[in-house]
PDB file of N, CA and C in Angstrom:
ATOM      1  N   MET A   1      -1.433 -16.071 -34.077  1.00  0.00           N
ATOM      2  CA  MET A   1      -0.954 -15.049 -33.050  1.00  0.00           C
ATOM      3  C   MET A   1      -1.697 -15.904 -31.907  1.00  0.00           C
ATOM      4  N   VAL A   2      -1.279 -15.507 -30.688  1.00  0.00           N
ATOM      5  CA  VAL A   2      -1.583 -16.248 -29.578  1.00  0.00           C
ATOM      6  C   VAL A   2      -2.121 -15.283 -28.181  1.00  0.00           C
ATOM      7  N   ARG A   3      -3.181 -15.020 -28.139  1.00  0.00           N
ATOM      8  CA  ARG A   3      -3.345 -13.767 -26.872  1.00  0.00           C
ATOM      9  C   ARG A   3      -3.478 -14.388 -25.739  1.00  0.00           C
ATOM     10  N   PHE A   4      -3.134 -14.230 -24.490  1.00  0.00           N
ATOM     11  CA  PHE A   4      -2.999 -14.692 -23.283  1.00  0.00           C
ATOM     12  C   PHE A   4      -3.128 -13.810 -22.205  1.00  0.00           C
ATOM     13  N   ASN A   5      -3.885 -14.203 -20.972  1.00  0.00           N
ATOM     14  CA  ASN A   5      -3.720 -13.320 -19.872  1.00  0.00           C
ATOM     15  C   ASN A   5      -2.185 -13.817 -19.075  1.00  0.00           C
ATOM     16  N   TYR A   6      -1.333 -12.856 -18.879  1.00  0.00           N
ATOM     17  CA  TYR A   6      -0.144 -13.304 -17.865  1.00  0.00           C
ATOM     18  C   TYR A   6      -0.187 -12.907 -16.489  1.00  0.00           C
ATOM     19  N   GLY A   7      -0.208 -11.804 -15.782  1.00  0.00           N
ATOM     20  CA  GLY A   7      -0.207 -11.632 -14.664  1.00  0.00           C
ATOM     21  C   GLY A   7       0.868 -12.181 -13.541  1.00  0.00           C
ATOM     22  N   ILE A   8       1.965 -12.184 -14.203  1.00  0.00           N
ATOM     23  CA  ILE A   8       3.239 -12.397 -13.380  1.00  0.00           C
ATOM     24  C   ILE A   8       4.203 -11.188 -13.265  1.00  0.00           C
ATOM     25  N   LYS A   9       4.632 -11.259 -12.097  1.00  0.00           N
ATOM     26  CA  LYS A   9       5.548 -10.001 -11.904  1.00  0.00           C
ATOM     27  C   LYS A   9       6.706 -10.125 -12.881  1.00  0.00           C
ATOM     28  N   GLY A  10       7.670 -10.967 -12.951  1.00  0.00           N
ATOM     29  CA  GLY A  10       8.762 -10.647 -13.825  1.00  0.00           C
ATOM     30  C   GLY A  10       8.496 -11.211 -15.322  1.00  0.00           C
ATOM     31  N   LEU A  11       9.312 -11.277 -16.249  1.00  0.00           N
ATOM     32  CA  LEU A  11       9.298 -11.597 -17.314  1.00  0.00           C
ATOM     33  C   LEU A  11       9.683 -13.131 -17.815  1.00  0.00           C
ATOM     34  N   ASP A  12      10.361 -13.691 -16.820  1.00  0.00           N
ATOM     35  CA  ASP A  12      11.015 -14.829 -16.812  1.00  0.00           C
ATOM     36  C   ASP A  12      10.437 -15.735 -17.590  1.00  0.00           C
ATOM     37  N   ALA A  13       9.122 -16.132 -16.911  1.00  0.00           N
ATOM     38  CA  ALA A  13       8.460 -17.198 -17.696  1.00  0.00           C
ATOM     39  C   ALA A  13       7.934 -17.134 -19.074  1.00  0.00           C
ATOM     40  N   LEU A  14       7.861 -15.959 -19.407  1.00  0.00           N
ATOM     41  CA  LEU A  14       7.549 -15.314 -20.755  1.00  0.00           C
ATOM     42  C   LEU A  14       8.795 -15.622 -21.716  1.00  0.00           C
ATOM     43  N   PHE A  15      10.119 -15.113 -21.246  1.00  0.00           N
ATOM     44  CA  PHE A  15      11.150 -15.385 -22.015  1.00  0.00           C
ATOM     45  C   PHE A  15      11.396 -16.780 -22.019  1.00  0.00           C
ATOM     46  N   GLU A  16      11.403 -17.750 -20.956  1.00  0.00           N
ATOM     47  CA  GLU A  16      11.388 -19.077 -21.165  1.00  0.00           C
ATOM     48  C   GLU A  16      10.471 -19.779 -22.333  1.00  0.00           C
ATOM     49  N   LEU A  17       9.115 -19.216 -22.355  1.00  0.00           N
ATOM     50  CA  LEU A  17       8.154 -19.919 -23.379  1.00  0.00           C
ATOM     51  C   LEU A  17       8.306 -19.342 -24.898  1.00  0.00           C
ATOM     52  N   GLU A  18       8.948 -18.113 -24.939  1.00  0.00           N
ATOM     53  CA  GLU A  18       9.595 -17.991 -25.920  1.00  0.00           C
ATOM     54  C   GLU A  18      10.657 -18.642 -26.712  1.00  0.00           C
ATOM     55  N   ASN A  19      11.605 -18.963 -25.676  1.00  0.00           N
ATOM     56  CA  ASN A  19      12.730 -19.927 -26.141  1.00  0.00           C
ATOM     57  C   ASN A  19      12.160 -21.183 -26.534  1.00  0.00           C
ATOM     58  N   ALA A  20      11.378 -21.647 -25.706  1.00  0.00           N
ATOM     59  CA  ALA A  20      10.790 -23.033 -26.508  1.00  0.00           C
ATOM     60  C   ALA A  20       9.982 -22.943 -27.716  1.00  0.00           C
ATOM     61  N   LEU A  21       9.398 -21.814 -27.847  1.00  0.00           N
ATOM     62  CA  LEU A  21       8.708 -21.734 -29.149  1.00  0.00           C
ATOM     63  C   LEU A  21       9.671 -21.455 -30.150  1.00  0.00           C
ATOM     64  N   ALA A  22      10.514 -20.470 -30.322  1.00  0.00           N
ATOM     65  CA  ALA A  22      11.542 -20.434 -31.150  1.00  0.00           C
ATOM     66  C   ALA A  22      12.441 -21.800 -31.666  1.00  0.00           C
ATOM     67  N   GLU A  23      12.611 -22.470 -30.488  1.00  0.00           N
ATOM     68  CA  GLU A  23      13.275 -23.852 -30.777  1.00  0.00           C
ATOM     69  C   GLU A  23      12.599 -24.882 -31.461  1.00  0.00           C
ATOM     70  N   VAL A  24      11.345 -24.992 -31.306  1.00  0.00           N
ATOM     71  CA  VAL A  24      10.383 -26.413 -31.709  1.00  0.00           C
ATOM     72  C   VAL A  24      10.072 -25.607 -33.109  1.00  0.00           C
ATOM     73  N   ILE A  25       9.785 -24.273 -33.364  1.00  0.00           N
ATOM     74  CA  ILE A  25       9.559 -24.026 -34.640  1.00  0.00           C
ATOM     75  C   ILE A  25      10.483 -24.094 -35.515  1.00  0.00           C
ATOM     76  N   SER A  26      11.855 -23.571 -35.071  1.00  0.00           N
ATOM     77  CA  SER A  26      13.184 -23.787 -35.896  1.00  0.00           C
ATOM     78  C   SER A  26      13.386 -24.943 -36.434  1.00  0.00           C
ATOM     79  N   LYS A  27      13.447 -25.871 -35.180  1.00  0.00           N
ATOM     80  CA  LYS A  27      13.868 -27.274 -35.409  1.00  0.00           C
ATOM     81  C   LYS A  27      12.751 -28.110 -36.326  1.00  0.00           C
ATOM     82  N   SER A  28      11.755 -27.563 -36.426  1.00  0.00           N
ATOM     83  CA  SER A  28      10.371 -28.447 -37.247  1.00  0.00           C
ATOM     84  C   SER A  28      10.556 -27.870 -38.591  1.00  0.00           C
ATOM     85  N   GLY A  29      11.084 -26.710 -38.595  1.00  0.00           N
ATOM     86  CA  GLY A  29      11.029 -25.754 -40.245  1.00  0.00           C
ATOM     87  C   GLY A  29       9.688 -25.384 -40.506  1.00  0.00           C
ATOM     88  N   VAL A  30       8.555 -25.154 -39.419  1.00  0.00           N
ATOM     89  CA  VAL A  30       7.343 -24.987 -39.915  1.00  0.00           C
ATOM     90  C   VAL A  30       7.020 -23.180 -39.896  1.00  0.00           C
ATOM     91  N   GLY A  31       7.969 -22.361 -39.638  1.00  0.00           N
ATOM     92  CA  GLY A  31       7.736 -21.036 -39.669  1.00  0.00           C
ATOM     93  C   GLY A  31       8.800 -20.296 -38.876  1.00  0.00           C
ATOM     94  N   LYS A  32       8.131 -19.160 -38.338  1.00  0.00           N
ATOM     95  CA  LYS A  32       9.222 -18.178 -37.729  1.00  0.00           C
ATOM     96  C   LYS A  32       8.597 -17.570 -36.421  1.00  0.00           C
ATOM     97  N   TYR A  33       9.273 -17.857 -35.338  1.00  0.00           N
ATOM     98  CA  TYR A  33       8.400 -17.116 -33.932  1.00  0.00           C
ATOM     99  C   TYR A  33       8.977 -15.338 -34.040  1.00  0.00           C
ATOM    100  N   ASP A  34       7.934 -14.682 -34.061  1.00  0.00           N
ATOM    101  CA  ASP A  34       8.301 -13.372 -34.182  1.00  0.00           C
ATOM    102  C   ASP A  34       8.240 -12.354 -33.116  1.00  0.00           C
ATOM    103  N   GLY A  35       8.164 -12.956 -31.749  1.00  0.00           N
ATOM    104  CA  GLY A  35       8.309 -12.032 -30.488  1.00  0.00           C
ATOM    105  C   GLY A  35       6.785 -11.693 -29.696  1.00  0.00           C
ATOM    106  N   HIS A  36       6.936 -10.769 -29.070  1.00  0.00           N
ATOM    107  CA  HIS A  36       5.841 -10.550 -28.216  1.00  0.00           C
ATOM    108  C   HIS A  36       5.036  -9.203 -27.941  1.00  0.00           C
ATOM    109  N   ASP A  37       4.134  -8.888 -27.287  1.00  0.00           N
ATOM    110  CA  ASP A  37       3.767  -7.515 -27.001  1.00  0.00           C
ATOM    111  C   ASP A  37       3.128  -7.921 -25.777  1.00  0.00           C
ATOM    112  N   ILE A  38       3.273  -7.230 -24.708  1.00  0.00           N
ATOM    113  CA  ILE A  38       2.864  -7.351 -23.500  1.00  0.00           C
ATOM    114  C   ILE A  38       2.334  -6.064 -22.860  1.00  0.00           C
ATOM    115  N   GLU A  39       1.438  -5.806 -22.270  1.00  0.00           N
ATOM    116  CA  GLU A  39       0.767  -4.780 -21.450  1.00  0.00           C
ATOM    117  C   GLU A  39       1.755  -4.233 -20.689  1.00  0.00           C
ATOM    118  N   MET A  40       1.811  -2.974 -20.342  1.00  0.00           N
ATOM    119  CA  MET A  40       2.844  -2.399 -19.170  1.00  0.00           C
ATOM    120  C   MET A  40       2.488  -2.934 -17.818  1.00  0.00           C
ATOM    121  N   ASP A  41       1.306  -3.429 -17.441  1.00  0.00           N
ATOM    122  CA  ASP A  41       1.017  -3.859 -16.249  1.00  0.00           C
ATOM    123  C   ASP A  41       1.177  -5.546 -16.146  1.00  0.00           C
ATOM    124  N   ARG A  42       1.767  -5.910 -17.428  1.00  0.00           N
ATOM    125  CA  ARG A  42       1.647  -7.310 -17.677  1.00  0.00           C
ATOM    126  C   ARG A  42       0.438  -8.336 -17.373  1.00  0.00           C
ATOM    127  N   SER A  43      -0.554  -7.541 -17.698  1.00  0.00           N
ATOM    128  CA  SER A  43      -1.813  -8.434 -17.489  1.00  0.00           C
ATOM    129  C   SER A  43      -2.092  -9.350 -18.594  1.00  0.00           C
ATOM    130  N   ASN A  44      -1.899  -8.997 -19.823  1.00  0.00           N
ATOM    131  CA  ASN A  44      -2.193  -9.520 -20.989  1.00  0.00           C
ATOM    132  C   ASN A  44      -1.112  -9.475 -21.964  1.00  0.00           C
ATOM    133  N   GLY A  45      -1.120 -10.368 -23.052  1.00  0.00           N
ATOM    134  CA  GLY A  45      -0.169 -10.553 -23.945  1.00  0.00           C
ATOM    135  C   GLY A  45      -0.560 -11.112 -25.215  1.00  0.00           C
ATOM    136  N   THR A  46       0.468 -10.804 -26.395  1.00  0.00           N
ATOM    137  CA  THR A  46       0.022 -11.686 -27.661  1.00  0.00           C
ATOM    138  C   THR A  46       1.558 -12.213 -28.190  1.00  0.00           C
ATOM    139  N   LEU A  47       1.632 -13.204 -28.514  1.00  0.00           N
ATOM    140  CA  LEU A  47       2.819 -13.828 -29.215  1.00  0.00           C
ATOM    141  C   LEU A  47       2.478 -13.906 -30.729  1.00  0.00           C
ATOM    142  N   PHE A  48       3.497 -13.756 -31.514  1.00  0.00           N
ATOM    143  CA  PHE A  48       3.628 -13.578 -32.695  1.00  0.00           C
ATOM    144  C   PHE A  48       4.337 -14.724 -33.642  1.00  0.00           C
ATOM    145  N   MET A  49       3.704 -15.546 -34.371  1.00  0.00           N
ATOM    146  CA  MET A  49       4.225 -16.428 -35.029  1.00  0.00           C
ATOM    147  C   MET A  49       3.930 -16.595 -36.608  1.00  0.00           C
ATOM    148  N   TYR A  50       4.741 -16.961 -37.675  1.00  0.00           N
ATOM    149  CA  TYR A  50       4.309 -16.931 -39.146  1.00  0.00           C
ATOM    150  C   TYR A  50       4.976 -18.283 -39.606  1.00  0.00           C
ATOM    151  N   GLY A  51       4.114 -18.495 -40.529  1.00  0.00           N
ATOM    152  CA  GLY A  51       4.647 -19.928 -41.462  1.00  0.00           C
ATOM    153  C   GLY A  51       3.675 -20.044 -42.508  1.00  0.00           C
ATOM    154  N   PRO A  52       3.919 -20.870 -43.524  1.00  0.00           N
ATOM    155  CA  PRO A  52       3.202 -21.291 -44.860  1.00  0.00           C
ATOM    156  C   PRO A  52       1.898 -21.745 -44.515  1.00  0.00           C
ATOM    157  N   ASP A  53       1.706 -22.596 -43.334  1.00  0.00           N
ATOM    158  CA  ASP A  53       0.749 -23.482 -42.922  1.00  0.00           C
ATOM    159  C   ASP A  53       0.335 -23.152 -41.489  1.00  0.00           C
ATOM    160  N   ALA A  54      -0.737 -22.459 -41.298  1.00  0.00           N
ATOM    161  CA  ALA A  54      -1.135 -22.083 -40.000  1.00  0.00           C
ATOM    162  C   ALA A  54      -1.538 -23.306 -39.227  1.00  0.00           C
ATOM    163  N   GLU A  55      -2.233 -24.195 -39.708  1.00  0.00           N
ATOM    164  CA  GLU A  55      -2.363 -25.496 -38.918  1.00  0.00           C
ATOM    165  C   GLU A  55      -1.261 -26.204 -38.658  1.00  0.00           C
ATOM    166  N   LEU A  56      -0.184 -26.246 -39.518  1.00  0.00           N
ATOM    167  CA  LEU A  56       0.899 -27.163 -39.024  1.00  0.00           C
ATOM    168  C   LEU A  56       1.648 -26.270 -37.890  1.00  0.00           C
ATOM    169  N   LEU A  57       1.550 -25.121 -38.102  1.00  0.00           N
ATOM    170  CA  LEU A  57       2.492 -24.306 -37.454  1.00  0.00           C
ATOM    171  C   LEU A  57       1.865 -24.654 -35.850  1.00  0.00           C
ATOM    172  N   PHE A  58       0.672 -24.336 -35.887  1.00  0.00           N
ATOM    173  CA  PHE A  58      -0.141 -24.335 -34.371  1.00  0.00           C
ATOM    174  C   PHE A  58      -0.279 -25.735 -33.871  1.00  0.00           C
ATOM    175  N   LYS A  59      -0.376 -26.860 -34.874  1.00  0.00           N
ATOM    176  CA  LYS A  59      -0.102 -28.205 -34.188  1.00  0.00           C
ATOM    177  C   LYS A  59       1.492 -28.509 -33.748  1.00  0.00           C
ATOM    178  N   THR A  60       2.269 -27.730 -34.326  1.00  0.00           N
ATOM    179  CA  THR A  60       3.787 -28.069 -33.769  1.00  0.00           C
ATOM    180  C   THR A  60       3.792 -26.987 -32.538  1.00  0.00           C
ATOM    181  N   ILE A  61       3.301 -26.005 -32.047  1.00  0.00           N
ATOM    182  CA  ILE A  61       3.620 -25.463 -30.988  1.00  0.00           C
ATOM    183  C   ILE A  61       2.582 -25.705 -29.883  1.00  0.00           C
ATOM    184  N   GLN A  62       1.398 -26.321 -30.105  1.00  0.00           N
ATOM    185  CA  GLN A  62       0.452 -26.495 -29.176  1.00  0.00           C
ATOM    186  C   GLN A  62       0.772 -27.325 -27.875  1.00  0.00           C
ATOM    187  N   PRO A  63       1.633 -28.120 -28.033  1.00  0.00           N
ATOM    188  CA  PRO A  63       2.090 -29.208 -26.697  1.00  0.00           C
ATOM    189  C   PRO A  63       2.836 -28.136 -25.989  1.00  0.00           C
ATOM    190  N   VAL A  64       3.862 -27.308 -26.487  1.00  0.00           N
ATOM    191  CA  VAL A  64       4.266 -26.380 -25.825  1.00  0.00           C
ATOM    192  C   VAL A  64       3.572 -25.433 -25.064  1.00  0.00           C
ATOM    193  N   LEU A  65       2.662 -24.893 -25.945  1.00  0.00           N
ATOM    194  CA  LEU A  65       1.686 -23.750 -25.061  1.00  0.00           C
ATOM    195  C   LEU A  65       0.910 -24.542 -24.009  1.00  0.00           C
ATOM    196  N   LYS A  66       0.348 -25.902 -24.302  1.00  0.00           N
ATOM    197  CA  LYS A  66      -0.440 -26.467 -23.081  1.00  0.00           C
ATOM    198  C   LYS A  66       0.423 -26.513 -22.013  1.00  0.00           C
ATOM    199  N   ALA A  67       1.949 -26.974 -22.053  1.00  0.00           N
ATOM    200  CA  ALA A  67       2.469 -27.125 -21.090  1.00  0.00           C
ATOM    201  C   ALA A  67       2.953 -25.971 -20.080  1.00  0.00           C
ATOM    202  N   CYS A  68       2.458 -25.113 -20.813  1.00  0.00           N
ATOM    203  CA  CYS A  68       2.572 -23.431 -19.962  1.00  0.00           C
ATOM    204  C   CYS A  68       1.537 -23.171 -19.093  1.00  0.00           C
ATOM    205  N   ASN A  69       1.664 -22.874 -17.710  1.00  0.00           N
ATOM    206  CA  ASN A  69       0.578 -22.579 -16.930  1.00  0.00           C
ATOM    207  C   ASN A  69      -0.034 -21.259 -17.200  1.00  0.00           C
ATOM    208  N   PHE A  70       0.655 -20.295 -17.548  1.00  0.00           N
ATOM    209  CA  PHE A  70      -0.057 -18.860 -17.822  1.00  0.00           C
ATOM    210  C   PHE A  70      -0.711 -18.911 -19.485  1.00  0.00           C
ATOM    211  N   MET A  71      -0.508 -20.289 -20.258  1.00  0.00           N
ATOM    212  CA  MET A  71      -1.446 -20.179 -21.608  1.00  0.00           C
ATOM    213  C   MET A  71      -2.666 -21.031 -21.183  1.00  0.00           C
ATOM    214  N   LYS A  72      -3.151 -21.411 -20.063  1.00  0.00           N
ATOM    215  CA  LYS A  72      -4.466 -21.970 -20.007  1.00  0.00           C
ATOM    216  C   LYS A  72      -5.455 -20.796 -20.347  1.00  0.00           C
ATOM    217  N   GLY A  73      -6.489 -21.078 -21.047  1.00  0.00           N
ATOM    218  CA  GLY A  73      -7.524 -20.023 -21.509  1.00  0.00           C
ATOM    219  C   GLY A  73      -6.972 -19.192 -22.549  1.00  0.00           C
ATOM    220  N   ALA A  74      -5.602 -19.139 -23.013  1.00  0.00           N
ATOM    221  CA  ALA A  74      -5.337 -18.227 -24.218  1.00  0.00           C
ATOM    222  C   ALA A  74      -5.871 -18.669 -25.543  1.00  0.00           C
ATOM    223  N   LYS A  75      -6.062 -17.885 -26.271  1.00  0.00           N
ATOM    224  CA  LYS A  75      -6.875 -17.867 -27.492  1.00  0.00           C
ATOM    225  C   LYS A  75      -5.828 -17.668 -28.940  1.00  0.00           C
ATOM    226  N   ALA A  76      -5.719 -18.621 -29.710  1.00  0.00           N
ATOM    227  CA  ALA A  76      -4.885 -18.679 -30.777  1.00  0.00           C
ATOM    228  C   ALA A  76      -5.883 -18.230 -32.318  1.00  0.00           C
ATOM    229  N   THR A  77      -5.068 -17.224 -32.991  1.00  0.00           N
ATOM    230  CA  THR A  77      -5.903 -17.107 -34.097  1.00  0.00           C
ATOM    231  C   THR A  77      -4.989 -17.249 -35.181  1.00  0.00           C
ATOM    232  N   LEU A  78      -5.469 -18.399 -36.039  1.00  0.00           N
ATOM    233  CA  LEU A  78      -4.930 -18.910 -37.082  1.00  0.00           C
ATOM    234  C   LEU A  78      -5.263 -17.905 -38.618  1.00  0.00           C
ATOM    235  N   LEU A  79      -4.397 -17.495 -39.177  1.00  0.00           N
ATOM    236  CA  LEU A  79      -4.859 -16.616 -40.222  1.00  0.00           C
ATOM    237  C   LEU A  79      -4.458 -17.557 -41.686  1.00  0.00           C
ATOM    238  N   PHE A  80      -5.229 -17.567 -42.458  1.00  0.00           N
ATOM    239  CA  PHE A  80      -4.887 -18.657 -43.795  1.00  0.00           C
ATOM    240  C   PHE A  80      -4.679 -17.615 -44.913  1.00  0.00           C
ATOM    241  N   GLY A  81      -3.622 -16.487 -44.725  1.00  0.00           N
ATOM    242  CA  GLY A  81      -3.255 -15.401 -45.713  1.00  0.00           C
ATOM    243  C   GLY A  81      -2.927 -14.278 -45.171  1.00  0.00           C
ATOM    244  N   PRO A  82      -2.519 -13.208 -45.683  1.00  0.00           N
ATOM    245  CA  PRO A  82      -1.966 -12.134 -45.155  1.00  0.00           C
ATOM    246  C   PRO A  82      -3.166 -11.481 -44.298  1.00  0.00           C
ATOM    247  N   PRO A  83      -2.827 -10.739 -43.098  1.00  0.00           N
ATOM    248  CA  PRO A  83      -3.654 -10.117 -42.307  1.00  0.00           C
ATOM    249  C   PRO A  83      -4.681  -8.727 -42.882  1.00  0.00           C
ATOM    250  N   GLU A  84      -5.501  -9.293 -43.739  1.00  0.00           N
ATOM    251  CA  GLU A  84      -6.643  -8.485 -44.350  1.00  0.00           C
ATOM    252  C   GLU A  84      -7.826  -8.829 -44.136  1.00  0.00           C
ATOM    253  N   ASP A  85      -8.756  -7.852 -44.600  1.00  0.00           N
ATOM    254  CA  ASP A  85     -10.297  -8.187 -44.806  1.00  0.00           C
ATOM    255  C   ASP A  85     -10.475  -9.353 -45.671  1.00  0.00           C
ATOM    256  N   GLY A  86     -11.338 -10.309 -45.181  1.00  0.00           N
ATOM    257  CA  GLY A  86     -11.588 -11.255 -45.941  1.00  0.00           C
ATOM    258  C   GLY A  86     -10.675 -12.679 -45.765  1.00  0.00           C
ATOM    259  N   VAL A  87      -9.688 -12.406 -45.141  1.00  0.00           N
ATOM    260  CA  VAL A  87      -8.794 -13.673 -45.004  1.00  0.00           C
ATOM    261  C   VAL A  87      -9.541 -14.429 -43.960  1.00  0.00           C
ATOM    262  N   LYS A  88      -9.525 -15.770 -44.190  1.00  0.00           N
ATOM    263  CA  LYS A  88     -10.256 -16.890 -43.302  1.00  0.00           C
ATOM    264  C   LYS A  88      -9.100 -17.056 -42.353  1.00  0.00           C
ATOM    265  N   GLU A  89      -9.960 -17.298 -40.866  1.00  0.00           N
ATOM    266  CA  GLU A  89      -9.450 -17.370 -39.747  1.00  0.00           C
ATOM    267  C   GLU A  89     -10.035 -18.235 -39.146  1.00  0.00           C
ATOM    268  N   MET A  90      -9.335 -18.845 -38.023  1.00  0.00           N
ATOM    269  CA  MET A  90      -9.831 -19.976 -37.067  1.00  0.00           C
ATOM    270  C   MET A  90      -9.284 -19.503 -36.040  1.00  0.00           C
ATOM    271  N   HIS A  91     -10.161 -19.634 -34.956  1.00  0.00           N
ATOM    272  CA  HIS A  91     -10.003 -19.485 -33.574  1.00  0.00           C
ATOM    273  C   HIS A  91      -9.734 -20.659 -32.523  1.00  0.00           C
ATOM    274  N   VAL A  92      -8.688 -20.898 -31.810  1.00  0.00           N
ATOM    275  CA  VAL A  92      -8.667 -22.170 -31.006  1.00  0.00           C
ATOM    276  C   VAL A  92      -8.242 -21.658 -29.317  1.00  0.00           C
ATOM    277  N   GLU A  93      -9.163 -22.370 -28.629  1.00  0.00           N
ATOM    278  CA  GLU A  93      -8.878 -22.017 -27.034  1.00  0.00           C
ATOM    279  C   GLU A  93      -7.829 -22.915 -26.756  1.00  0.00           C
ATOM    280  N   ILE A  94      -6.789 -22.437 -25.947  1.00  0.00           N
ATOM    281  CA  ILE A  94      -5.618 -23.408 -25.528  1.00  0.00           C
ATOM    282  C   ILE A  94      -6.156 -24.158 -24.187  1.00  0.00           C
TER     283      ILE A  94
END
């Protein structure tokens, strides 16, 4: 999952990023893009992606995230198992 600051009037930039992420994830076969959650005031949001290898999934999407202006300073959380207590996590700043 990737948490980010958005602060842009419309959602076109977010939809463009989602399309790019879905495409690169699908083509590489590393997982699935599962959508976003964004605050009503469009200040902050979260992107959700899943796959069997969190590090490989992140390495695959990292160039797409770095190319996106509003992803600067975003924080990715890589989970190594189902989201429950005690699961290994790694945090990476974009």
